């Protein structure tokens, strides 16, 4: 694709998200979400592969449905209350419709079915944008309106997303689908705590973006999209194979890695709110997710010689990817846990 066209599309992505961040009026927020959707569609379809076109079509239809629901919810709210402001979402029907629309936007269960299929049809860099940047604008709206939304609905969405994100990833062999289910599970952790401590949702979103960026950039560096090719990366780049295993464990939330911090703080907040059953359910759901991360680590680091492997060992081809972003994201993914006291000071 022409570099000028890519520059226009990426700046449009930035503009759409910034517009939604800055808006206090429903129509402006809706406009920002639409600019975002229209800007990423050409990036998704740029390879002219049938799978990419199919993924783009599915994504466009789900996002258009969610945008129509947001318009419907905001119009209903304006009709009932006379208010177009984002913070004055007081009508119960508008509330529920709006939350359902944003759940569809970010791929929360049970509106998650499009996410694995769409991510599977994309290349890794576009998949990275879809999994990280495209979550920012909807989350800004959810955080602004969380206090008006039914707490039981938010709890149900959170627990369901974490469970389905764990179960769905168990039987997958495609890494992009595994990362899609990982995304659904992480969204569940963010939604469960948003009504009690929105600052913890922001912290979980930031750490999720760091860890997912490191994962996608690692897969891009090693040109890997399936588990059986992941198992042969040790021969190509042993250091990268070691850090990839640690990144996956960080995504699973194991200490002493960065991914443990948001899970620990969210479970602490849930127990403070006298919700021990929900906290226990979330912790057990995290164990299901951890299983498929461990499965990837096993395939990557424990199926090396002299164990047998059916995959052919790849050529040590040179990659054109810049190593600096990967190094920065990997360092952040592995080493931010000691910053927890400072983050606690800022969030309380």
C-alpha atoms as a PDB file:
ATOM      1  CA  UNK A   1       0.000   0.000   0.000  1.00  0.00           C
ATOM      2  CA  UNK A   2       1.126   3.553  -0.781  1.00  0.00           C
ATOM      3  CA  UNK A   3       2.903   5.117   2.254  1.00  0.00           C
ATOM      4  CA  UNK A   4       0.848   8.320   1.901  1.00  0.00           C
ATOM      5  CA  UNK A   5      -2.377   6.313   2.040  1.00  0.00           C
ATOM      6  CA  UNK A   6      -1.128   4.429   5.129  1.00  0.00           C
ATOM      7  CA  UNK A   7      -0.224   7.782   6.767  1.00  0.00           C
ATOM      8  CA  UNK A   8      -3.740   9.137   6.078  1.00  0.00           C
ATOM      9  CA  UNK A   9      -5.391   5.980   7.443  1.00  0.00           C
ATOM     10  CA  UNK A  10      -3.252   5.887  10.596  1.00  0.00           C
ATOM     11  CA  UNK A  11      -3.823   9.607  11.262  1.00  0.00           C
ATOM     12  CA  UNK A  12      -7.571   9.010  10.770  1.00  0.00           C
ATOM     13  CA  UNK A  13      -7.383   6.232  13.381  1.00  0.00           C
ATOM     14  CA  UNK A  14      -5.728   8.695  15.765  1.00  0.00           C
ATOM     15  CA  UNK A  15      -8.275  11.409  14.933  1.00  0.00           C
ATOM     16  CA  UNK A  16     -11.258   9.104  15.527  1.00  0.00           C
ATOM     17  CA  UNK A  17      -9.987   7.955  18.927  1.00  0.00           C
ATOM     18  CA  UNK A  18      -9.032  11.505  19.993  1.00  0.00           C
ATOM     19  CA  UNK A  19     -12.454  12.801  18.926  1.00  0.00           C
ATOM     20  CA  UNK A  20     -14.199  10.174  21.085  1.00  0.00           C
ATOM     21  CA  UNK A  21     -11.859  10.937  24.016  1.00  0.00           C
ATOM     22  CA  UNK A  22     -12.548  14.670  23.815  1.00  0.00           C
ATOM     23  CA  UNK A  23     -16.302  14.600  23.181  1.00  0.00           C
ATOM     24  CA  UNK A  24     -19.032  15.207  25.734  1.00  0.00           C
ATOM     25  CA  UNK A  25     -21.836  15.013  23.132  1.00  0.00           C
ATOM     26  CA  UNK A  26     -23.149  11.652  21.921  1.00  0.00           C
ATOM     27  CA  UNK A  27     -23.030  12.495  18.213  1.00  0.00           C
ATOM     28  CA  UNK A  28     -19.362  13.529  18.369  1.00  0.00           C
ATOM     29  CA  UNK A  29     -18.472  10.319  20.213  1.00  0.00           C
ATOM     30  CA  UNK A  30     -20.374   8.284  17.623  1.00  0.00           C
ATOM     31  CA  UNK A  31     -18.583  10.160  14.831  1.00  0.00           C
ATOM     32  CA  UNK A  32     -15.182   9.320  16.352  1.00  0.00           C
ATOM     33  CA  UNK A  33     -16.081   5.604  16.515  1.00  0.00           C
ATOM     34  CA  UNK A  34     -17.218   5.685  12.875  1.00  0.00           C
ATOM     35  CA  UNK A  35     -14.002   7.379  11.698  1.00  0.00           C
ATOM     36  CA  UNK A  36     -12.093   4.633  13.537  1.00  0.00           C
ATOM     37  CA  UNK A  37     -14.046   1.855  11.816  1.00  0.00           C
ATOM     38  CA  UNK A  38     -13.749   3.375   8.335  1.00  0.00           C
ATOM     39  CA  UNK A  39     -10.014   4.043   8.763  1.00  0.00           C
ATOM     40  CA  UNK A  40      -9.106   0.476   9.743  1.00  0.00           C
ATOM     41  CA  UNK A  41     -11.212  -1.239   7.039  1.00  0.00           C
ATOM     42  CA  UNK A  42      -8.735  -0.529   4.141  1.00  0.00           C
ATOM     43  CA  UNK A  43      -5.814  -1.625   6.368  1.00  0.00           C
ATOM     44  CA  UNK A  44      -7.599  -4.920   7.024  1.00  0.00           C
ATOM     45  CA  UNK A  45      -8.331  -5.598   3.358  1.00  0.00           C
ATOM     46  CA  UNK A  46      -4.960  -4.415   1.980  1.00  0.00           C
ATOM     47  CA  UNK A  47      -3.665  -7.920   1.107  1.00  0.00           C
ATOM     48  CA  UNK A  48      -6.611  -8.754  -1.232  1.00  0.00           C
ATOM     49  CA  UNK A  49      -6.776 -12.261   0.178  1.00  0.00           C
ATOM     50  CA  UNK A  50     -10.254 -13.849   0.408  1.00  0.00           C
ATOM     51  CA  UNK A  51      -9.790 -14.345   4.163  1.00  0.00           C
ATOM     52  CA  UNK A  52      -8.790 -10.703   4.672  1.00  0.00           C
ATOM     53  CA  UNK A  53     -11.804  -9.485   2.677  1.00  0.00           C
ATOM     54  CA  UNK A  54     -14.091 -11.807   4.647  1.00  0.00           C
ATOM     55  CA  UNK A  55     -12.642 -10.563   7.949  1.00  0.00           C
ATOM     56  CA  UNK A  56     -13.083  -6.941   6.854  1.00  0.00           C
ATOM     57  CA  UNK A  57     -16.720  -7.558   5.869  1.00  0.00           C
ATOM     58  CA  UNK A  58     -17.496  -9.283   9.190  1.00  0.00           C
ATOM     59  CA  UNK A  59     -15.791  -6.504  11.140  1.00  0.00           C
ATOM     60  CA  UNK A  60     -17.576  -3.744   9.230  1.00  0.00           C
ATOM     61  CA  UNK A  61     -21.007  -5.341   9.719  1.00  0.00           C
ATOM     62  CA  UNK A  62     -20.551  -5.849  13.484  1.00  0.00           C
ATOM     63  CA  UNK A  63     -19.163  -2.338  13.987  1.00  0.00           C
ATOM     64  CA  UNK A  64     -21.966  -0.804  11.883  1.00  0.00           C
ATOM     65  CA  UNK A  65     -24.540  -2.702  13.997  1.00  0.00           C
ATOM     66  CA  UNK A  66     -22.908  -1.444  17.204  1.00  0.00           C
ATOM     67  CA  UNK A  67     -22.809   2.138  15.847  1.00  0.00           C
ATOM     68  CA  UNK A  68     -26.525   1.965  14.961  1.00  0.00           C
ATOM     69  CA  UNK A  69     -27.286   0.707  18.484  1.00  0.00           C
ATOM     70  CA  UNK A  70     -25.291   3.593  19.994  1.00  0.00           C
ATOM     71  CA  UNK A  71     -27.261   6.094  17.877  1.00  0.00           C
ATOM     72  CA  UNK A  72     -30.512   4.420  18.920  1.00  0.00           C
ATOM     73  CA  UNK A  73     -29.524   4.496  22.625  1.00  0.00           C
ATOM     74  CA  UNK A  74     -28.422   8.153  22.548  1.00  0.00           C
ATOM     75  CA  UNK A  75     -31.559   9.234  20.633  1.00  0.00           C
ATOM     76  CA  UNK A  76     -33.797   7.329  23.090  1.00  0.00           C
ATOM     77  CA  UNK A  77     -31.987   8.944  26.019  1.00  0.00           C
ATOM     78  CA  UNK A  78     -32.336  12.410  24.444  1.00  0.00           C
ATOM     79  CA  UNK A  79     -36.039  11.759  23.786  1.00  0.00           C
ATOM     80  CA  UNK A  80     -36.675  10.676  27.400  1.00  0.00           C
ATOM     81  CA  UNK A  81     -34.453  13.146  29.266  1.00  0.00           C
ATOM     82  CA  UNK A  82     -33.736  15.994  26.811  1.00  0.00           C
ATOM     83  CA  UNK A  83     -29.973  15.478  27.355  1.00  0.00           C
ATOM     84  CA  UNK A  84     -27.333  14.706  24.684  1.00  0.00           C
ATOM     85  CA  UNK A  85     -24.449  14.739  27.165  1.00  0.00           C
ATOM     86  CA  UNK A  86     -22.519  11.459  27.608  1.00  0.00           C
ATOM     87  CA  UNK A  87     -22.564  11.692  31.414  1.00  0.00           C
ATOM     88  CA  UNK A  88     -26.390  12.068  31.578  1.00  0.00           C
ATOM     89  CA  UNK A  89     -27.325   8.574  30.432  1.00  0.00           C
ATOM     90  CA  UNK A  90     -30.207   7.971  32.837  1.00  0.00           C
ATOM     91  CA  UNK A  91     -32.852   6.078  30.831  1.00  0.00           C
ATOM     92  CA  UNK A  92     -32.692   2.308  31.658  1.00  0.00           C
ATOM     93  CA  UNK A  93     -33.434   1.150  28.083  1.00  0.00           C
ATOM     94  CA  UNK A  94     -30.800   3.510  26.638  1.00  0.00           C
ATOM     95  CA  UNK A  95     -28.327   2.325  29.308  1.00  0.00           C
ATOM     96  CA  UNK A  96     -28.698  -1.353  28.487  1.00  0.00           C
ATOM     97  CA  UNK A  97     -28.707  -0.808  24.698  1.00  0.00           C
ATOM     98  CA  UNK A  98     -25.606   1.371  24.964  1.00  0.00           C
ATOM     99  CA  UNK A  99     -23.707  -1.207  27.048  1.00  0.00           C
ATOM    100  CA  UNK A 100     -24.691  -3.988  24.618  1.00  0.00           C
ATOM    101  CA  UNK A 101     -23.427  -1.848  21.693  1.00  0.00           C
ATOM    102  CA  UNK A 102     -20.063  -1.172  23.335  1.00  0.00           C
ATOM    103  CA  UNK A 103     -19.731  -4.839  24.346  1.00  0.00           C
ATOM    104  CA  UNK A 104     -20.199  -5.678  20.653  1.00  0.00           C
ATOM    105  CA  UNK A 105     -17.598  -3.028  19.731  1.00  0.00           C
ATOM    106  CA  UNK A 106     -14.842  -4.451  21.940  1.00  0.00           C
ATOM    107  CA  UNK A 107     -15.832  -8.143  21.706  1.00  0.00           C
ATOM    108  CA  UNK A 108     -17.137  -8.879  25.192  1.00  0.00           C
ATOM    109  CA  UNK A 109     -18.920 -12.213  25.656  1.00  0.00           C
ATOM    110  CA  UNK A 110     -21.650 -13.073  24.654  1.00  0.00           C
ATOM    111  CA  UNK A 111     -21.106 -10.599  21.750  1.00  0.00           C
ATOM    112  CA  UNK A 112     -17.629 -11.977  21.069  1.00  0.00           C
ATOM    113  CA  UNK A 113     -18.229 -14.347  18.142  1.00  0.00           C
ATOM    114  CA  UNK A 114     -16.817 -12.019  15.483  1.00  0.00           C
ATOM    115  CA  UNK A 115     -13.496 -11.436  17.262  1.00  0.00           C
ATOM    116  CA  UNK A 116     -11.601 -14.746  16.680  1.00  0.00           C
ATOM    117  CA  UNK A 117     -12.847 -15.021  13.075  1.00  0.00           C
ATOM    118  CA  UNK A 118     -11.866 -11.471  12.178  1.00  0.00           C
ATOM    119  CA  UNK A 119      -8.447 -11.622  13.855  1.00  0.00           C
ATOM    120  CA  UNK A 120      -7.677 -14.937  12.118  1.00  0.00           C
ATOM    121  CA  UNK A 121      -8.120 -13.290   8.685  1.00  0.00           C
ATOM    122  CA  UNK A 122      -5.712 -10.388   9.332  1.00  0.00           C
ATOM    123  CA  UNK A 123      -1.960  -9.992   9.185  1.00  0.00           C
ATOM    124  CA  UNK A 124      -0.192  -9.568  12.533  1.00  0.00           C
ATOM    125  CA  UNK A 125       0.308  -5.773  12.487  1.00  0.00           C
ATOM    126  CA  UNK A 126      -3.333  -5.021  11.592  1.00  0.00           C
ATOM    127  CA  UNK A 127      -4.344  -7.603  14.208  1.00  0.00           C
ATOM    128  CA  UNK A 128      -2.227  -5.674  16.726  1.00  0.00           C
ATOM    129  CA  UNK A 129      -4.075  -2.424  15.911  1.00  0.00           C
ATOM    130  CA  UNK A 130      -7.437  -4.204  16.179  1.00  0.00           C
ATOM    131  CA  UNK A 131      -6.537  -5.788  19.544  1.00  0.00           C
ATOM    132  CA  UNK A 132      -5.100  -2.651  21.165  1.00  0.00           C
ATOM    133  CA  UNK A 133      -5.837   0.759  19.619  1.00  0.00           C
ATOM    134  CA  UNK A 134      -9.424  -0.072  18.624  1.00  0.00           C
ATOM    135  CA  UNK A 135     -10.300  -0.809  22.279  1.00  0.00           C
ATOM    136  CA  UNK A 136      -9.381   2.680  23.528  1.00  0.00           C
ATOM    137  CA  UNK A 137     -12.333   4.751  22.273  1.00  0.00           C
ATOM    138  CA  UNK A 138     -15.101   2.320  23.401  1.00  0.00           C
ATOM    139  CA  UNK A 139     -13.427   1.975  26.814  1.00  0.00           C
ATOM    140  CA  UNK A 140     -13.344   5.769  27.213  1.00  0.00           C
ATOM    141  CA  UNK A 141     -17.134   5.772  26.750  1.00  0.00           C
ATOM    142  CA  UNK A 142     -17.673   2.789  29.079  1.00  0.00           C
ATOM    143  CA  UNK A 143     -15.623   4.451  31.857  1.00  0.00           C
ATOM    144  CA  UNK A 144     -17.618   7.692  31.502  1.00  0.00           C
ATOM    145  CA  UNK A 145     -20.979   5.911  31.754  1.00  0.00           C
ATOM    146  CA  UNK A 146     -20.144   2.946  34.063  1.00  0.00           C
ATOM    147  CA  UNK A 147     -21.796   4.511  37.121  1.00  0.00           C
ATOM    148  CA  UNK A 148     -25.157   4.690  35.290  1.00  0.00           C
ATOM    149  CA  UNK A 149     -25.108   1.095  34.000  1.00  0.00           C
ATOM    150  CA  UNK A 150     -26.699  -1.779  35.942  1.00  0.00           C
ATOM    151  CA  UNK A 151     -23.940  -3.336  38.148  1.00  0.00           C
ATOM    152  CA  UNK A 152     -25.335  -6.863  37.661  1.00  0.00           C
ATOM    153  CA  UNK A 153     -25.050  -6.471  33.862  1.00  0.00           C
ATOM    154  CA  UNK A 154     -21.399  -5.387  34.153  1.00  0.00           C
ATOM    155  CA  UNK A 155     -20.627  -8.291  36.523  1.00  0.00           C
ATOM    156  CA  UNK A 156     -22.331 -10.788  34.198  1.00  0.00           C
ATOM    157  CA  UNK A 157     -20.420  -9.482  31.155  1.00  0.00           C
ATOM    158  CA  UNK A 158     -17.114  -9.587  33.072  1.00  0.00           C
ATOM    159  CA  UNK A 159     -17.456 -13.122  34.449  1.00  0.00           C
ATOM    160  CA  UNK A 160     -18.849 -14.509  31.174  1.00  0.00           C
ATOM    161  CA  UNK A 161     -16.026 -12.936  29.117  1.00  0.00           C
ATOM    162  CA  UNK A 162     -13.326 -14.313  31.417  1.00  0.00           C
ATOM    163  CA  UNK A 163     -14.814 -17.822  31.337  1.00  0.00           C
ATOM    164  CA  UNK A 164     -15.459 -17.885  27.575  1.00  0.00           C
ATOM    165  CA  UNK A 165     -12.041 -16.302  26.866  1.00  0.00           C
ATOM    166  CA  UNK A 166     -10.455 -19.176  28.813  1.00  0.00           C
ATOM    167  CA  UNK A 167     -12.581 -22.020  27.430  1.00  0.00           C
ATOM    168  CA  UNK A 168     -12.482 -20.807  23.826  1.00  0.00           C
ATOM    169  CA  UNK A 169      -8.689 -20.734  23.631  1.00  0.00           C
ATOM    170  CA  UNK A 170      -8.162 -24.294  24.894  1.00  0.00           C
ATOM    171  CA  UNK A 171      -8.628 -26.199  21.643  1.00  0.00           C
ATOM    172  CA  UNK A 172      -7.051 -23.730  19.196  1.00  0.00           C
ATOM    173  CA  UNK A 173      -3.987 -24.291  17.046  1.00  0.00           C
ATOM    174  CA  UNK A 174      -3.941 -20.846  15.378  1.00  0.00           C
ATOM    175  CA  UNK A 175      -2.070 -18.234  17.407  1.00  0.00           C
ATOM    176  CA  UNK A 176      -4.243 -15.330  16.233  1.00  0.00           C
ATOM    177  CA  UNK A 177      -7.398 -17.084  17.473  1.00  0.00           C
ATOM    178  CA  UNK A 178      -5.686 -17.820  20.796  1.00  0.00           C
ATOM    179  CA  UNK A 179      -4.801 -14.120  21.105  1.00  0.00           C
ATOM    180  CA  UNK A 180      -8.418 -13.189  20.267  1.00  0.00           C
ATOM    181  CA  UNK A 181      -9.708 -15.360  23.131  1.00  0.00           C
ATOM    182  CA  UNK A 182      -6.963 -13.935  25.345  1.00  0.00           C
ATOM    183  CA  UNK A 183      -8.275 -10.455  24.460  1.00  0.00           C
ATOM    184  CA  UNK A 184     -11.865 -11.476  25.378  1.00  0.00           C
ATOM    185  CA  UNK A 185     -10.666 -12.794  28.771  1.00  0.00           C
ATOM    186  CA  UNK A 186      -8.684  -9.614  29.513  1.00  0.00           C
ATOM    187  CA  UNK A 187     -11.684  -7.440  28.586  1.00  0.00           C
ATOM    188  CA  UNK A 188     -13.666  -9.399  31.193  1.00  0.00           C
ATOM    189  CA  UNK A 189     -11.129  -8.483  33.906  1.00  0.00           C
ATOM    190  CA  UNK A 190     -11.408  -4.808  32.956  1.00  0.00           C
ATOM    191  CA  UNK A 191     -15.222  -4.747  32.930  1.00  0.00           C
ATOM    192  CA  UNK A 192     -15.645  -6.588  36.264  1.00  0.00           C
ATOM    193  CA  UNK A 193     -13.888  -3.840  38.258  1.00  0.00           C
ATOM    194  CA  UNK A 194     -14.990  -0.760  36.287  1.00  0.00           C
ATOM    195  CA  UNK A 195     -17.918   0.061  38.598  1.00  0.00           C
ATOM    196  CA  UNK A 196     -15.757  -0.059  41.744  1.00  0.00           C
ATOM    197  CA  UNK A 197     -12.371   1.317  40.634  1.00  0.00           C
ATOM    198  CA  UNK A 198     -12.197   2.728  37.067  1.00  0.00           C
ATOM    199  CA  UNK A 199      -8.500   3.533  37.604  1.00  0.00           C
ATOM    200  CA  UNK A 200      -7.802  -0.218  37.887  1.00  0.00           C
ATOM    201  CA  UNK A 201      -9.601  -0.733  34.559  1.00  0.00           C
ATOM    202  CA  UNK A 202      -7.242   1.810  32.981  1.00  0.00           C
ATOM    203  CA  UNK A 203      -4.245   0.072  34.570  1.00  0.00           C
ATOM    204  CA  UNK A 204      -5.421  -3.330  33.277  1.00  0.00           C
ATOM    205  CA  UNK A 205      -5.994  -1.835  29.801  1.00  0.00           C
ATOM    206  CA  UNK A 206      -2.501  -0.309  29.700  1.00  0.00           C
ATOM    207  CA  UNK A 207      -0.787  -3.529  30.818  1.00  0.00           C
ATOM    208  CA  UNK A 208      -2.920  -5.532  28.354  1.00  0.00           C
ATOM    209  CA  UNK A 209      -1.842  -3.228  25.497  1.00  0.00           C
ATOM    210  CA  UNK A 210       1.840  -3.559  26.477  1.00  0.00           C
ATOM    211  CA  UNK A 211       1.708  -7.371  26.736  1.00  0.00           C
ATOM    212  CA  UNK A 212      -0.342  -7.865  23.554  1.00  0.00           C
ATOM    213  CA  UNK A 213       1.953  -5.537  21.593  1.00  0.00           C
ATOM    214  CA  UNK A 214       4.973  -7.530  22.760  1.00  0.00           C
ATOM    215  CA  UNK A 215       3.256 -10.800  21.743  1.00  0.00           C
ATOM    216  CA  UNK A 216       2.226  -9.636  18.265  1.00  0.00           C
ATOM    217  CA  UNK A 217       5.631  -8.055  17.547  1.00  0.00           C
ATOM    218  CA  UNK A 218       7.365 -11.272  18.661  1.00  0.00           C
ATOM    219  CA  UNK A 219       5.187 -13.372  16.348  1.00  0.00           C
ATOM    220  CA  UNK A 220       5.870 -10.892  13.535  1.00  0.00           C
ATOM    221  CA  UNK A 221       9.621 -11.108  14.178  1.00  0.00           C
ATOM    222  CA  UNK A 222       9.578 -14.922  14.049  1.00  0.00           C
ATOM    223  CA  UNK A 223       7.000 -15.049  11.180  1.00  0.00           C
ATOM    224  CA  UNK A 224       4.785 -17.432  13.180  1.00  0.00           C
ATOM    225  CA  UNK A 225       0.996 -17.908  13.074  1.00  0.00           C
ATOM    226  CA  UNK A 226       0.543 -21.558  14.149  1.00  0.00           C
ATOM    227  CA  UNK A 227       1.595 -23.590  17.186  1.00  0.00           C
ATOM    228  CA  UNK A 228       3.637 -26.111  15.203  1.00  0.00           C
ATOM    229  CA  UNK A 229       5.743 -23.359  13.594  1.00  0.00           C
ATOM    230  CA  UNK A 230       6.096 -21.723  17.024  1.00  0.00           C
ATOM    231  CA  UNK A 231       7.727 -24.979  18.156  1.00  0.00           C
ATOM    232  CA  UNK A 232      10.588 -24.509  15.678  1.00  0.00           C
ATOM    233  CA  UNK A 233      11.532 -20.904  16.578  1.00  0.00           C
ATOM    234  CA  UNK A 234      14.175 -22.031  19.105  1.00  0.00           C
ATOM    235  CA  UNK A 235      16.456 -23.065  16.245  1.00  0.00           C
ATOM    236  CA  UNK A 236      16.040 -19.719  14.515  1.00  0.00           C
ATOM    237  CA  UNK A 237      16.354 -17.340  17.458  1.00  0.00           C
ATOM    238  CA  UNK A 238      16.895 -18.992  20.889  1.00  0.00           C
ATOM    239  CA  UNK A 239      16.853 -15.671  22.796  1.00  0.00           C
ATOM    240  CA  UNK A 240      13.540 -14.660  21.207  1.00  0.00           C
ATOM    241  CA  UNK A 241      12.074 -18.089  22.067  1.00  0.00           C
ATOM    242  CA  UNK A 242      13.014 -17.571  25.739  1.00  0.00           C
ATOM    243  CA  UNK A 243      11.490 -14.084  25.959  1.00  0.00           C
ATOM    244  CA  UNK A 244       8.357 -15.241  24.096  1.00  0.00           C
ATOM    245  CA  UNK A 245       7.731 -17.919  26.731  1.00  0.00           C
ATOM    246  CA  UNK A 246       8.045 -15.265  29.452  1.00  0.00           C
ATOM    247  CA  UNK A 247       5.723 -12.868  27.575  1.00  0.00           C
ATOM    248  CA  UNK A 248       3.077 -15.617  27.346  1.00  0.00           C
ATOM    249  CA  UNK A 249       3.387 -16.313  31.076  1.00  0.00           C
ATOM    250  CA  UNK A 250       3.009 -12.576  31.718  1.00  0.00           C
ATOM    251  CA  UNK A 251      -0.211 -12.610  29.654  1.00  0.00           C
ATOM    252  CA  UNK A 252      -1.355 -15.488  31.860  1.00  0.00           C
ATOM    253  CA  UNK A 253      -0.744 -13.348  34.962  1.00  0.00           C
ATOM    254  CA  UNK A 254       2.083 -15.234  36.690  1.00  0.00           C
ATOM    255  CA  UNK A 255       4.318 -13.415  39.195  1.00  0.00           C
ATOM    256  CA  UNK A 256       6.933 -11.914  39.103  1.00  0.00           C
ATOM    257  CA  UNK A 257       5.898 -10.611  35.658  1.00  0.00           C
ATOM    258  CA  UNK A 258       3.918  -7.465  34.762  1.00  0.00           C
ATOM    259  CA  UNK A 259       0.686  -9.340  33.965  1.00  0.00           C
ATOM    260  CA  UNK A 260       0.298 -10.344  37.635  1.00  0.00           C
ATOM    261  CA  UNK A 261      -0.123  -6.726  38.777  1.00  0.00           C
ATOM    262  CA  UNK A 262      -3.603  -5.867  37.378  1.00  0.00           C
ATOM    263  CA  UNK A 263      -5.047  -9.292  38.285  1.00  0.00           C
ATOM    264  CA  UNK A 264      -3.727  -9.029  41.831  1.00  0.00           C
ATOM    265  CA  UNK A 265      -5.115  -5.508  42.308  1.00  0.00           C
ATOM    266  CA  UNK A 266      -8.506  -6.363  40.749  1.00  0.00           C
ATOM    267  CA  UNK A 267      -8.910  -9.447  42.994  1.00  0.00           C
ATOM    268  CA  UNK A 268      -7.938  -7.285  45.982  1.00  0.00           C
ATOM    269  CA  UNK A 269     -10.583  -4.690  45.038  1.00  0.00           C
ATOM    270  CA  UNK A 270     -13.284  -7.365  44.559  1.00  0.00           C
ATOM    271  CA  UNK A 271     -12.586  -8.810  48.025  1.00  0.00           C
ATOM    272  CA  UNK A 272     -12.698  -5.274  49.500  1.00  0.00           C
ATOM    273  CA  UNK A 273     -16.178  -4.917  47.971  1.00  0.00           C
ATOM    274  CA  UNK A 274     -17.314  -8.134  49.746  1.00  0.00           C
ATOM    275  CA  UNK A 275     -17.520 -10.153  46.523  1.00  0.00           C
ATOM    276  CA  UNK A 276     -15.500 -13.276  47.424  1.00  0.00           C
ATOM    277  CA  UNK A 277     -17.455 -15.633  45.132  1.00  0.00           C
ATOM    278  CA  UNK A 278     -16.902 -13.404  42.061  1.00  0.00           C
ATOM    279  CA  UNK A 279     -13.208 -12.972  42.981  1.00  0.00           C
ATOM    280  CA  UNK A 280     -12.809 -16.767  43.292  1.00  0.00           C
ATOM    281  CA  UNK A 281     -14.589 -17.329  39.959  1.00  0.00           C
ATOM    282  CA  UNK A 282     -12.304 -14.806  38.237  1.00  0.00           C
ATOM    283  CA  UNK A 283      -9.182 -16.405  39.735  1.00  0.00           C
ATOM    284  CA  UNK A 284     -10.277 -19.883  38.605  1.00  0.00           C
ATOM    285  CA  UNK A 285     -11.133 -18.546  35.116  1.00  0.00           C
ATOM    286  CA  UNK A 286      -7.603 -17.075  34.956  1.00  0.00           C
ATOM    287  CA  UNK A 287      -6.259 -20.606  35.550  1.00  0.00           C
ATOM    288  CA  UNK A 288      -8.102 -21.842  32.436  1.00  0.00           C
ATOM    289  CA  UNK A 289      -6.466 -19.080  30.380  1.00  0.00           C
ATOM    290  CA  UNK A 290      -3.101 -19.892  31.944  1.00  0.00           C
ATOM    291  CA  UNK A 291      -3.415 -23.473  30.676  1.00  0.00           C
ATOM    292  CA  UNK A 292      -3.311 -22.490  27.002  1.00  0.00           C
ATOM    293  CA  UNK A 293      -0.446 -20.040  27.585  1.00  0.00           C
ATOM    294  CA  UNK A 294       1.465 -22.887  29.253  1.00  0.00           C
ATOM    295  CA  UNK A 295       0.595 -25.094  26.288  1.00  0.00           C
ATOM    296  CA  UNK A 296       2.241 -22.556  23.976  1.00  0.00           C
ATOM    297  CA  UNK A 297       5.282 -22.361  26.270  1.00  0.00           C
ATOM    298  CA  UNK A 298       5.512 -26.160  26.263  1.00  0.00           C
ATOM    299  CA  UNK A 299       5.332 -26.304  22.456  1.00  0.00           C
ATOM    300  CA  UNK A 300       7.951 -23.598  22.210  1.00  0.00           C
ATOM    301  CA  UNK A 301      10.582 -24.533  24.775  1.00  0.00           C
ATOM    302  CA  UNK A 302      10.078 -28.211  25.684  1.00  0.00           C
ATOM    303  CA  UNK A 303       9.684 -29.773  22.231  1.00  0.00           C
ATOM    304  CA  UNK A 304      13.297 -29.019  21.294  1.00  0.00           C
ATOM    305  CA  UNK A 305      15.886 -31.624  20.315  1.00  0.00           C
ATOM    306  CA  UNK A 306      16.138 -34.547  21.063  1.00  0.00           C
ATOM    307  CA  UNK A 307      12.300 -34.626  21.262  1.00  0.00           C
ATOM    308  CA  UNK A 308      10.611 -35.356  17.948  1.00  0.00           C
ATOM    309  CA  UNK A 309       8.762 -32.630  16.094  1.00  0.00           C
ATOM    310  CA  UNK A 310       6.853 -33.014  12.834  1.00  0.00           C
ATOM    311  CA  UNK A 311       7.561 -29.475  11.625  1.00  0.00           C
ATOM    312  CA  UNK A 312      10.481 -28.626   9.372  1.00  0.00           C
ATOM    313  CA  UNK A 313      13.061 -26.335  10.909  1.00  0.00           C
ATOM    314  CA  UNK A 314      12.755 -22.847   9.332  1.00  0.00           C
ATOM    315  CA  UNK A 315      15.465 -21.005   7.452  1.00  0.00           C
ATOM    316  CA  UNK A 316      17.195 -18.240   9.375  1.00  0.00           C
ATOM    317  CA  UNK A 317      15.814 -15.530   7.132  1.00  0.00           C
ATOM    318  CA  UNK A 318      16.446 -11.881   7.951  1.00  0.00           C
ATOM    319  CA  UNK A 319      13.437  -9.912   9.160  1.00  0.00           C
ATOM    320  CA  UNK A 320      12.761  -6.296   8.153  1.00  0.00           C
ATOM    321  CA  UNK A 321      11.087  -5.473  11.471  1.00  0.00           C
ATOM    322  CA  UNK A 322      12.787  -2.876  13.696  1.00  0.00           C
ATOM    323  CA  UNK A 323      13.948  -4.545  16.926  1.00  0.00           C
ATOM    324  CA  UNK A 324      13.566  -1.462  19.186  1.00  0.00           C
ATOM    325  CA  UNK A 325       9.737  -1.487  19.688  1.00  0.00           C
ATOM    326  CA  UNK A 326       9.858  -5.229  20.448  1.00  0.00           C
ATOM    327  CA  UNK A 327      12.696  -4.701  22.965  1.00  0.00           C
ATOM    328  CA  UNK A 328      10.807  -1.873  24.725  1.00  0.00           C
ATOM    329  CA  UNK A 329       7.488  -3.745  24.922  1.00  0.00           C
ATOM    330  CA  UNK A 330       9.201  -6.970  26.047  1.00  0.00           C
ATOM    331  CA  UNK A 331      11.065  -5.141  28.837  1.00  0.00           C
ATOM    332  CA  UNK A 332       7.811  -3.521  29.988  1.00  0.00           C
ATOM    333  CA  UNK A 333       5.956  -6.867  29.795  1.00  0.00           C
ATOM    334  CA  UNK A 334       8.515  -8.636  31.974  1.00  0.00           C
ATOM    335  CA  UNK A 335       9.653  -6.023  34.471  1.00  0.00           C
ATOM    336  CA  UNK A 336       6.953  -3.582  35.659  1.00  0.00           C
ATOM    337  CA  UNK A 337       5.788  -5.536  38.739  1.00  0.00           C
ATOM    338  CA  UNK A 338       8.244  -3.716  41.101  1.00  0.00           C
ATOM    339  CA  UNK A 339       6.437  -0.477  40.110  1.00  0.00           C
ATOM    340  CA  UNK A 340       3.260  -1.692  41.894  1.00  0.00           C
ATOM    341  CA  UNK A 341       3.714   0.462  45.095  1.00  0.00           C
ATOM    342  CA  UNK A 342       4.085   3.600  42.949  1.00  0.00           C
ATOM    343  CA  UNK A 343       1.019   2.653  40.881  1.00  0.00           C
ATOM    344  CA  UNK A 344      -0.946   1.953  44.082  1.00  0.00           C
ATOM    345  CA  UNK A 345      -0.066   5.468  45.285  1.00  0.00           C
ATOM    346  CA  UNK A 346      -1.421   6.930  42.035  1.00  0.00           C
ATOM    347  CA  UNK A 347      -4.622   4.834  41.910  1.00  0.00           C
ATOM    348  CA  UNK A 348      -5.789   5.277  45.516  1.00  0.00           C
END
